[in-house]
């Protein structure tokens, strides 16, 4: 039942570290110089994981959506680096983290997921927190 929690906690840790490591890198290099390092590391992870899990390169409908996922990951990374280069990490990360609003709406439209009261309340709390940080920090 809780099999998703361990990787979710790992994702939280690494995404939290991402804001800090990116801002430290931006002290001495431009945001455009961070992106190639992401590609190199992602490539290494891909090679290792493909070997470890005996994964094949996906084609067809699944491959198309995997490519779209890669585009979203890349665009999100580039725009996050650009945002971090222009403001404090303690402002940039919460503001860019309000994407659950769009995810909630898109999941309802494209995946027929239900919009429940707890999901709406949780999403509003995320947005409220980002609004508070943005208002009193910027």
C-alpha atoms as a PDB file:
ATOM      1  CA  UNK A   1       0.000   0.000   0.000  1.00  0.00           C
ATOM      2  CA  UNK A   2       2.772   2.458   0.886  1.00  0.00           C
ATOM      3  CA  UNK A   3       5.267   1.137  -1.690  1.00  0.00           C
ATOM      4  CA  UNK A   4       5.306   4.573  -3.354  1.00  0.00           C
ATOM      5  CA  UNK A   5       6.419   6.411  -0.192  1.00  0.00           C
ATOM      6  CA  UNK A   6      10.133   5.521  -0.262  1.00  0.00           C
ATOM      7  CA  UNK A   7      10.757   6.806  -3.807  1.00  0.00           C
ATOM      8  CA  UNK A   8       8.544   9.841  -3.056  1.00  0.00           C
ATOM      9  CA  UNK A   9      10.684  10.702  -0.024  1.00  0.00           C
ATOM     10  CA  UNK A  10      13.796  10.262  -2.162  1.00  0.00           C
ATOM     11  CA  UNK A  11      12.348  12.585  -4.800  1.00  0.00           C
ATOM     12  CA  UNK A  12      11.564  15.193  -2.133  1.00  0.00           C
ATOM     13  CA  UNK A  13      15.135  14.999  -0.845  1.00  0.00           C
ATOM     14  CA  UNK A  14      16.730  15.349  -4.277  1.00  0.00           C
ATOM     15  CA  UNK A  15      14.358  18.088  -5.445  1.00  0.00           C
ATOM     16  CA  UNK A  16      15.063  20.019  -2.239  1.00  0.00           C
ATOM     17  CA  UNK A  17      18.792  19.594  -2.793  1.00  0.00           C
ATOM     18  CA  UNK A  18      18.352  20.683  -6.429  1.00  0.00           C
ATOM     19  CA  UNK A  19      17.419  24.215  -5.431  1.00  0.00           C
ATOM     20  CA  UNK A  20      20.454  24.548  -3.176  1.00  0.00           C
ATOM     21  CA  UNK A  21      22.990  22.928  -5.513  1.00  0.00           C
ATOM     22  CA  UNK A  22      21.699  24.980  -8.450  1.00  0.00           C
ATOM     23  CA  UNK A  23      21.969  28.250  -6.540  1.00  0.00           C
ATOM     24  CA  UNK A  24      25.502  27.363  -5.395  1.00  0.00           C
ATOM     25  CA  UNK A  25      26.480  26.631  -9.007  1.00  0.00           C
ATOM     26  CA  UNK A  26      24.916  29.928 -10.117  1.00  0.00           C
ATOM     27  CA  UNK A  27      27.332  31.778  -7.836  1.00  0.00           C
ATOM     28  CA  UNK A  28      30.137  31.070 -10.310  1.00  0.00           C
ATOM     29  CA  UNK A  29      28.561  30.016 -13.632  1.00  0.00           C
ATOM     30  CA  UNK A  30      25.564  30.954 -15.792  1.00  0.00           C
ATOM     31  CA  UNK A  31      22.337  28.952 -15.781  1.00  0.00           C
ATOM     32  CA  UNK A  32      22.991  27.795 -19.358  1.00  0.00           C
ATOM     33  CA  UNK A  33      26.140  26.008 -18.131  1.00  0.00           C
ATOM     34  CA  UNK A  34      24.179  23.914 -15.638  1.00  0.00           C
ATOM     35  CA  UNK A  35      21.923  22.339 -18.263  1.00  0.00           C
ATOM     36  CA  UNK A  36      24.650  20.260 -20.000  1.00  0.00           C
ATOM     37  CA  UNK A  37      25.652  18.775 -16.646  1.00  0.00           C
ATOM     38  CA  UNK A  38      22.049  17.703 -16.133  1.00  0.00           C
ATOM     39  CA  UNK A  39      22.083  16.034 -19.558  1.00  0.00           C
ATOM     40  CA  UNK A  40      25.350  14.211 -18.800  1.00  0.00           C
ATOM     41  CA  UNK A  41      24.129  12.969 -15.423  1.00  0.00           C
ATOM     42  CA  UNK A  42      20.753  11.999 -16.849  1.00  0.00           C
ATOM     43  CA  UNK A  43      22.557  10.048 -19.580  1.00  0.00           C
ATOM     44  CA  UNK A  44      24.653   8.167 -17.037  1.00  0.00           C
ATOM     45  CA  UNK A  45      21.564   7.365 -14.942  1.00  0.00           C
ATOM     46  CA  UNK A  46      19.796   6.177 -18.076  1.00  0.00           C
ATOM     47  CA  UNK A  47      22.599   3.824 -19.104  1.00  0.00           C
ATOM     48  CA  UNK A  48      22.929   2.383 -15.597  1.00  0.00           C
ATOM     49  CA  UNK A  49      19.176   1.952 -15.092  1.00  0.00           C
ATOM     50  CA  UNK A  50      18.622   0.463 -18.550  1.00  0.00           C
ATOM     51  CA  UNK A  51      21.271  -2.129 -17.759  1.00  0.00           C
ATOM     52  CA  UNK A  52      20.088  -2.753 -14.221  1.00  0.00           C
ATOM     53  CA  UNK A  53      16.428  -3.211 -15.174  1.00  0.00           C
ATOM     54  CA  UNK A  54      17.103  -4.689 -18.645  1.00  0.00           C
ATOM     55  CA  UNK A  55      15.019  -1.892 -20.170  1.00  0.00           C
ATOM     56  CA  UNK A  56      14.533  -1.426 -23.883  1.00  0.00           C
ATOM     57  CA  UNK A  57      14.010   1.882 -25.675  1.00  0.00           C
ATOM     58  CA  UNK A  58      10.255   2.432 -25.971  1.00  0.00           C
ATOM     59  CA  UNK A  59       8.608   3.157 -29.315  1.00  0.00           C
ATOM     60  CA  UNK A  60       4.997   3.571 -30.412  1.00  0.00           C
ATOM     61  CA  UNK A  61       2.389   5.353 -28.315  1.00  0.00           C
ATOM     62  CA  UNK A  62       4.292   4.825 -25.057  1.00  0.00           C
ATOM     63  CA  UNK A  63       7.483   6.050 -26.678  1.00  0.00           C
ATOM     64  CA  UNK A  64       5.696   9.186 -27.868  1.00  0.00           C
ATOM     65  CA  UNK A  65       4.513   9.984 -24.343  1.00  0.00           C
ATOM     66  CA  UNK A  66       7.960   9.165 -22.975  1.00  0.00           C
ATOM     67  CA  UNK A  67       9.427  11.694 -25.435  1.00  0.00           C
ATOM     68  CA  UNK A  68       6.844  14.270 -24.321  1.00  0.00           C
ATOM     69  CA  UNK A  69       7.882  13.548 -20.727  1.00  0.00           C
ATOM     70  CA  UNK A  70      11.503  14.191 -21.683  1.00  0.00           C
ATOM     71  CA  UNK A  71      10.522  17.486 -23.266  1.00  0.00           C
ATOM     72  CA  UNK A  72       8.626  18.488 -20.118  1.00  0.00           C
ATOM     73  CA  UNK A  73      11.567  17.500 -17.896  1.00  0.00           C
ATOM     74  CA  UNK A  74      14.005  19.450 -20.051  1.00  0.00           C
ATOM     75  CA  UNK A  75      11.835  22.556 -20.370  1.00  0.00           C
ATOM     76  CA  UNK A  76      11.084  22.503 -16.644  1.00  0.00           C
ATOM     77  CA  UNK A  77      14.783  22.220 -15.794  1.00  0.00           C
ATOM     78  CA  UNK A  78      15.776  25.056 -18.124  1.00  0.00           C
ATOM     79  CA  UNK A  79      13.038  27.366 -16.854  1.00  0.00           C
ATOM     80  CA  UNK A  80      13.805  26.482 -13.220  1.00  0.00           C
ATOM     81  CA  UNK A  81      17.482  27.361 -13.747  1.00  0.00           C
ATOM     82  CA  UNK A  82      16.474  30.635 -15.402  1.00  0.00           C
ATOM     83  CA  UNK A  83      14.162  31.430 -12.473  1.00  0.00           C
ATOM     84  CA  UNK A  84      16.851  30.551  -9.917  1.00  0.00           C
ATOM     85  CA  UNK A  85      19.311  32.824 -11.714  1.00  0.00           C
ATOM     86  CA  UNK A  86      16.927  35.769 -11.271  1.00  0.00           C
ATOM     87  CA  UNK A  87      15.743  35.463  -7.659  1.00  0.00           C
ATOM     88  CA  UNK A  88      16.436  33.876  -4.290  1.00  0.00           C
ATOM     89  CA  UNK A  89      16.130  30.100  -4.067  1.00  0.00           C
ATOM     90  CA  UNK A  90      13.708  30.457  -1.145  1.00  0.00           C
ATOM     91  CA  UNK A  91      11.345  32.352  -3.482  1.00  0.00           C
ATOM     92  CA  UNK A  92      11.972  30.498  -6.755  1.00  0.00           C
ATOM     93  CA  UNK A  93      11.432  26.968  -5.462  1.00  0.00           C
ATOM     94  CA  UNK A  94       8.057  27.541  -3.743  1.00  0.00           C
ATOM     95  CA  UNK A  95       6.740  29.567  -6.667  1.00  0.00           C
ATOM     96  CA  UNK A  96       7.759  26.950  -9.243  1.00  0.00           C
ATOM     97  CA  UNK A  97       6.301  24.291  -6.951  1.00  0.00           C
ATOM     98  CA  UNK A  98       2.686  25.421  -7.493  1.00  0.00           C
ATOM     99  CA  UNK A  99       2.425  23.177 -10.546  1.00  0.00           C
ATOM    100  CA  UNK A 100       0.071  20.794  -8.660  1.00  0.00           C
ATOM    101  CA  UNK A 101      -2.764  23.171  -9.565  1.00  0.00           C
ATOM    102  CA  UNK A 102      -2.257  22.472 -13.264  1.00  0.00           C
ATOM    103  CA  UNK A 103      -1.603  18.790 -12.595  1.00  0.00           C
ATOM    104  CA  UNK A 104      -4.869  18.447 -10.667  1.00  0.00           C
ATOM    105  CA  UNK A 105      -6.858  20.059 -13.487  1.00  0.00           C
ATOM    106  CA  UNK A 106      -5.038  18.189 -16.272  1.00  0.00           C
ATOM    107  CA  UNK A 107      -5.417  14.842 -14.452  1.00  0.00           C
ATOM    108  CA  UNK A 108      -9.164  15.413 -14.271  1.00  0.00           C
ATOM    109  CA  UNK A 109      -9.413  16.375 -17.945  1.00  0.00           C
ATOM    110  CA  UNK A 110      -6.988  13.921 -19.561  1.00  0.00           C
ATOM    111  CA  UNK A 111      -6.887  10.998 -17.112  1.00  0.00           C
ATOM    112  CA  UNK A 112     -10.459  11.140 -15.757  1.00  0.00           C
ATOM    113  CA  UNK A 113      -9.152  11.389 -12.197  1.00  0.00           C
ATOM    114  CA  UNK A 114     -11.583  12.726  -9.662  1.00  0.00           C
ATOM    115  CA  UNK A 115     -11.174  16.132  -8.068  1.00  0.00           C
ATOM    116  CA  UNK A 116     -11.918  15.578  -4.395  1.00  0.00           C
ATOM    117  CA  UNK A 117     -12.187  17.982  -1.502  1.00  0.00           C
ATOM    118  CA  UNK A 118      -8.889  16.789   0.080  1.00  0.00           C
ATOM    119  CA  UNK A 119      -7.088  17.232  -3.268  1.00  0.00           C
ATOM    120  CA  UNK A 120      -8.476  20.753  -3.689  1.00  0.00           C
ATOM    121  CA  UNK A 121      -7.638  21.723  -0.093  1.00  0.00           C
ATOM    122  CA  UNK A 122      -4.098  20.346  -0.403  1.00  0.00           C
ATOM    123  CA  UNK A 123      -3.562  22.130  -3.701  1.00  0.00           C
ATOM    124  CA  UNK A 124      -4.904  25.400  -2.283  1.00  0.00           C
ATOM    125  CA  UNK A 125      -2.532  25.076   0.667  1.00  0.00           C
ATOM    126  CA  UNK A 126       0.407  24.718  -1.736  1.00  0.00           C
ATOM    127  CA  UNK A 127      -0.688  27.776  -3.704  1.00  0.00           C
ATOM    128  CA  UNK A 128      -1.367  29.765  -0.521  1.00  0.00           C
ATOM    129  CA  UNK A 129       2.106  29.022   0.771  1.00  0.00           C
ATOM    130  CA  UNK A 130       3.698  30.112  -2.490  1.00  0.00           C
ATOM    131  CA  UNK A 131       1.578  33.285  -2.518  1.00  0.00           C
ATOM    132  CA  UNK A 132       2.642  34.155   1.035  1.00  0.00           C
ATOM    133  CA  UNK A 133       6.305  33.625   0.228  1.00  0.00           C
ATOM    134  CA  UNK A 134       6.045  35.567  -3.040  1.00  0.00           C
ATOM    135  CA  UNK A 135       4.149  38.464  -1.463  1.00  0.00           C
ATOM    136  CA  UNK A 136       6.325  38.993   1.583  1.00  0.00           C
ATOM    137  CA  UNK A 137       9.646  38.065   0.015  1.00  0.00           C
ATOM    138  CA  UNK A 138       9.552  39.837  -3.329  1.00  0.00           C
END
